Amino acid sequence: MSTVLNGAGSTSTTRARSMPVPPPVRAPRSRRRPALLALGIALVAVGAVVAVWLVGAQGQRTSVLMMARDVPYGAVVTDADVTSVEVSLDPSVSVVPTTDRDRVVGMSAATTLSAGSLVSPGQLTSATPPGPGQVLVGVAVPAVRMPAGGLLAGDRVLIVDTPAADADPPTGVPGSIAATVVRVGAADLNGVSVVDVTVAPGDGPALAARSATGRIAIVVQPRTG
């Protein structure tokens, strides 16, 4: 408080004015949404469960048999032809467990088995060619009457009649016999290979007779599967 002289010599008293104080500002309260919070917690829980499941699935590996070497159709599988690998597989995939190795060795390949492929029960058979409803015939074929790429066990072929060397080409469709290649022998000094094939029982004698004349050629049909 201060004293001030006025014009009449009298004094007047005034009070000092204090600065106004602003009212306190409060931060707005956050509005929590219980539904969103619950959803977030649920998503975190689901993610954790999925992660645990994936880790467990990757850890479930099975010991199965894999081909270590190529084995042609009809050949007997030896112990050196197979090896064991640890893999993670879908339950629908048909494989042979390592514990059945002794059972697989000694069986015959029901199809051509390629190195690096997993062994499937349907690819093996306890019987060697010829199977039921088949006969095995060996035909001697010169190199010039076979495909340049050679033949593979399991190939489906047509063994076709050819005319004599000095005869005219046939005017009609030549006779042929359907067969499946079992194995191919090494060529001799004249370039002739003996090819073992399976045919229907009724075609066996006719094919043997044609092979004896040497007037046959081989046509490879499209591979299936």
Protein backbone atom coordinates (compact mmCIF):
# COMPACT_ATOMS: atom_id res chain seq x y z
CA MET A 1 0.00 0.00 0.00
CA SER A 2 1.31 3.56 -0.86
CA THR A 3 0.44 7.18 0.14
CA VAL A 4 -0.13 9.80 -2.57
CA LEU A 5 -0.38 13.65 -2.09
CA ASN A 6 -3.25 15.31 -3.94
CA GLY A 7 -3.63 18.88 -4.92
CA ALA A 8 -5.28 20.00 -1.64
CA GLY A 9 -2.39 18.72 0.43
CA SER A 10 -4.36 15.80 1.63
CA THR A 11 -3.22 12.28 1.21
CA SER A 12 -5.00 9.31 -0.25
CA THR A 13 -4.11 5.75 0.19
CA THR A 14 -4.13 3.25 -2.72
CA ARG A 15 -3.59 -0.43 -2.71
CA ALA A 16 -1.14 -2.12 -5.14
CA ARG A 17 -2.94 -4.26 -7.67
CA SER A 18 -1.69 -7.80 -8.01
CA MET A 19 -1.40 -9.53 -11.45
CA PRO A 20 -4.30 -11.86 -12.29
CA VAL A 21 -3.50 -15.57 -11.92
CA PRO A 22 -4.83 -17.83 -14.72
CA PRO A 23 -6.90 -20.78 -13.63
CA PRO A 24 -5.09 -24.15 -13.61
CA VAL A 25 -5.35 -26.14 -16.86
CA ARG A 26 -6.08 -29.81 -16.49
CA ALA A 27 -5.07 -32.35 -19.17
CA PRO A 28 -8.06 -34.04 -20.73
CA ARG A 29 -8.63 -37.56 -19.50
CA SER A 30 -8.08 -40.29 -22.06
CA ARG A 31 -11.11 -42.32 -22.88
CA ARG A 32 -10.37 -46.00 -22.70
CA ARG A 33 -12.24 -48.35 -24.96
CA PRO A 34 -12.51 -51.74 -23.24
CA ALA A 35 -13.51 -53.53 -26.45
CA LEU A 36 -10.37 -52.43 -28.35
CA LEU A 37 -8.16 -53.28 -25.41
CA ALA A 38 -9.62 -56.77 -25.20
CA LEU A 39 -9.20 -57.25 -28.95
CA GLY A 40 -5.53 -56.28 -28.78
CA ILE A 41 -4.88 -58.73 -25.96
CA ALA A 42 -6.63 -61.48 -27.91
CA LEU A 43 -4.55 -60.82 -31.04
CA VAL A 44 -1.33 -60.96 -29.05
CA ALA A 45 -2.39 -64.28 -27.53
CA VAL A 46 -3.29 -65.77 -30.91
CA GLY A 47 0.04 -64.66 -32.38
CA ALA A 48 1.92 -66.32 -29.55
CA VAL A 49 0.02 -69.59 -30.04
CA VAL A 50 0.70 -69.58 -33.81
CA ALA A 51 4.41 -68.90 -33.25
CA VAL A 52 4.67 -71.80 -30.81
CA TRP A 53 2.85 -74.08 -33.28
CA LEU A 54 5.15 -73.15 -36.16
CA VAL A 55 8.26 -73.77 -34.10
CA GLY A 56 6.90 -77.14 -33.03
CA ALA A 57 5.94 -78.11 -36.59
CA GLN A 58 9.41 -77.31 -37.89
CA GLY A 59 10.92 -79.42 -35.19
CA GLN A 60 8.85 -82.52 -36.09
CA ARG A 61 11.15 -84.22 -38.58
CA THR A 62 10.91 -87.83 -39.72
CA SER A 63 13.68 -90.17 -40.80
CA VAL A 64 12.77 -91.64 -44.20
CA LEU A 65 14.47 -93.45 -47.08
CA MET A 66 15.78 -91.57 -50.13
CA MET A 67 17.34 -92.96 -53.29
CA ALA A 68 21.13 -92.54 -53.27
CA ARG A 69 21.51 -93.83 -56.83
CA ASP A 70 19.38 -94.34 -59.92
CA VAL A 71 17.71 -97.75 -60.06
CA PRO A 72 16.09 -98.75 -63.36
CA TYR A 73 12.70 -100.37 -63.64
CA GLY A 74 12.84 -104.06 -62.76
CA ALA A 75 16.22 -103.91 -61.02
CA VAL A 76 16.69 -105.13 -57.45
CA VAL A 77 17.27 -102.42 -54.84
CA THR A 78 20.50 -102.89 -52.89
CA ASP A 79 21.56 -101.42 -49.57
CA ALA A 80 23.88 -98.98 -51.36
CA ASP A 81 20.97 -97.66 -53.45
CA VAL A 82 19.17 -96.03 -50.49
CA THR A 83 20.08 -93.62 -47.73
CA SER A 84 18.35 -91.97 -44.76
CA VAL A 85 17.31 -88.31 -44.52
CA GLU A 86 15.50 -86.21 -41.92
CA VAL A 87 12.59 -84.30 -43.44
CA SER A 88 9.40 -82.48 -42.45
CA LEU A 89 6.49 -83.89 -44.43
CA ASP A 90 2.80 -83.41 -44.88
CA PRO A 91 0.96 -86.45 -43.43
CA SER A 92 -0.59 -87.10 -46.85
CA VAL A 93 2.84 -87.81 -48.44
CA SER A 94 3.51 -91.55 -48.74
CA VAL A 95 7.07 -92.42 -47.74
CA VAL A 96 9.05 -95.34 -46.33
CA PRO A 97 10.51 -94.86 -42.82
CA THR A 98 14.16 -95.67 -42.22
CA THR A 99 13.13 -98.50 -39.91
CA ASP A 100 11.86 -100.40 -42.99
CA ARG A 101 15.24 -100.33 -44.76
CA ASP A 102 15.77 -104.09 -44.43
CA ARG A 103 12.39 -104.71 -46.03
CA VAL A 104 13.10 -102.41 -48.98
CA VAL A 105 16.50 -103.90 -49.79
CA GLY A 106 15.96 -106.89 -52.07
CA MET A 107 12.71 -105.62 -53.57
CA SER A 108 12.42 -104.68 -57.24
CA ALA A 109 11.76 -101.25 -58.68
CA ALA A 110 8.22 -101.06 -60.05
CA THR A 111 9.27 -97.89 -61.90
CA THR A 112 12.51 -96.06 -62.57
CA LEU A 113 13.80 -94.67 -59.24
CA SER A 114 15.84 -91.47 -59.50
CA ALA A 115 18.62 -90.45 -57.12
CA GLY A 116 17.46 -87.80 -54.65
CA SER A 117 13.80 -88.86 -54.67
CA LEU A 118 12.02 -90.11 -51.56
CA VAL A 119 11.09 -93.77 -51.67
CA SER A 120 7.36 -94.48 -51.91
CA PRO A 121 5.84 -97.91 -51.14
CA GLY A 122 4.06 -97.93 -54.51
CA GLN A 123 7.42 -97.76 -56.33
CA LEU A 124 8.53 -101.15 -55.05
CA THR A 125 7.42 -104.69 -55.72
CA SER A 126 8.45 -108.07 -54.42
CA ALA A 127 8.24 -109.61 -57.89
CA THR A 128 10.73 -109.07 -60.71
CA PRO A 129 9.55 -108.81 -64.32
CA PRO A 130 7.71 -110.47 -65.87
CA GLY A 131 4.72 -109.86 -63.66
CA PRO A 132 1.28 -111.46 -63.87
CA GLY A 133 -0.08 -111.34 -67.41
CA GLN A 134 3.36 -110.72 -68.94
CA VAL A 135 6.17 -112.63 -70.60
CA LEU A 136 9.78 -111.53 -70.96
CA VAL A 137 11.38 -111.52 -74.41
CA GLY A 138 14.86 -110.48 -75.43
CA VAL A 139 15.10 -108.75 -78.80
CA ALA A 140 18.34 -107.94 -80.63
CA VAL A 141 18.19 -104.45 -82.09
CA PRO A 142 20.91 -102.73 -84.17
CA ALA A 143 21.83 -99.20 -83.10
CA VAL A 144 20.44 -97.76 -86.34
CA ARG A 145 16.98 -99.07 -85.46
CA MET A 146 16.84 -97.53 -81.98
CA PRO A 147 16.49 -93.87 -80.93
CA ALA A 148 19.79 -92.02 -80.81
CA GLY A 149 19.13 -91.16 -77.16
CA GLY A 150 18.89 -94.84 -76.29
CA LEU A 151 16.26 -96.62 -74.25
CA LEU A 152 15.50 -96.52 -70.53
CA ALA A 153 13.97 -99.15 -68.33
CA GLY A 154 10.25 -98.48 -68.11
CA ASP A 155 9.97 -96.99 -71.60
CA ARG A 156 6.79 -97.95 -73.44
CA VAL A 157 7.66 -98.93 -77.00
CA LEU A 158 6.26 -100.38 -80.20
CA ILE A 159 8.35 -103.09 -81.83
CA VAL A 160 7.60 -102.67 -85.53
CA ASP A 161 8.02 -105.08 -88.45
CA THR A 162 10.46 -103.83 -91.09
CA PRO A 163 10.75 -105.06 -94.67
CA ALA A 164 13.74 -106.88 -96.02
CA ALA A 165 16.71 -104.77 -97.06
CA ASP A 166 15.96 -105.08 -100.78
CA ALA A 167 12.16 -104.83 -100.47
CA ASP A 168 9.97 -101.84 -101.13
CA PRO A 169 8.54 -99.90 -98.18
CA PRO A 170 5.16 -101.25 -97.02
CA THR A 171 2.11 -99.53 -98.47
CA GLY A 172 0.03 -100.09 -95.35
CA VAL A 173 0.60 -99.72 -91.61
CA PRO A 174 3.23 -102.30 -90.59
CA GLY A 175 2.54 -104.74 -87.82
CA SER A 176 3.73 -103.84 -84.33
CA ILE A 177 3.70 -105.19 -80.79
CA ALA A 178 3.42 -103.03 -77.68
CA ALA A 179 6.09 -103.71 -75.08
CA THR A 180 7.76 -102.24 -71.99
CA VAL A 181 11.54 -102.06 -71.70
CA VAL A 182 12.98 -103.86 -68.68
CA ARG A 183 16.72 -103.53 -69.31
CA VAL A 184 19.10 -102.73 -72.12
CA GLY A 185 22.30 -104.72 -72.65
CA ALA A 186 25.58 -103.29 -73.82
CA ALA A 187 26.09 -103.12 -77.57
CA ASP A 188 28.36 -105.75 -79.13
CA LEU A 189 31.08 -105.12 -81.72
CA ASN A 190 28.44 -104.87 -84.43
CA GLY A 191 26.41 -102.27 -82.51
CA VAL A 192 23.62 -104.70 -81.68
CA SER A 193 22.03 -104.50 -78.22
CA VAL A 194 19.78 -107.05 -76.58
CA VAL A 195 16.75 -105.32 -75.12
CA ASP A 196 14.63 -107.23 -72.59
CA VAL A 197 10.97 -106.30 -72.87
CA THR A 198 7.72 -107.51 -71.35
CA VAL A 199 4.73 -108.14 -73.59
CA ALA A 200 1.33 -109.82 -73.33
CA PRO A 201 1.58 -113.64 -73.25
CA GLY A 202 -0.05 -113.95 -76.66
CA ASP A 203 2.55 -111.66 -78.26
CA GLY A 204 5.60 -113.43 -76.86
CA PRO A 205 6.09 -116.13 -79.53
CA ALA A 206 5.43 -113.75 -82.43
CA LEU A 207 7.91 -111.20 -81.08
CA ALA A 208 10.59 -113.86 -80.55
CA ALA A 209 10.15 -115.03 -84.16
CA ARG A 210 10.36 -111.48 -85.54
CA SER A 211 13.46 -110.76 -83.48
CA ALA A 212 15.16 -113.83 -84.95
CA THR A 213 14.84 -112.37 -88.45
CA GLY A 214 16.46 -109.09 -87.40
CA ARG A 215 13.75 -107.16 -89.25
CA ILE A 216 12.42 -105.05 -86.40
CA ALA A 217 12.68 -101.43 -85.27
CA ILE A 218 11.72 -99.72 -82.03
CA VAL A 219 9.40 -96.75 -81.69
CA VAL A 220 9.25 -95.04 -78.26
CA GLN A 221 5.81 -93.99 -77.07
CA PRO A 222 5.13 -90.96 -74.84
CA ARG A 223 6.06 -91.46 -71.21
CA THR A 224 3.24 -91.34 -68.69
CA GLY A 225 3.38 -89.82 -65.16
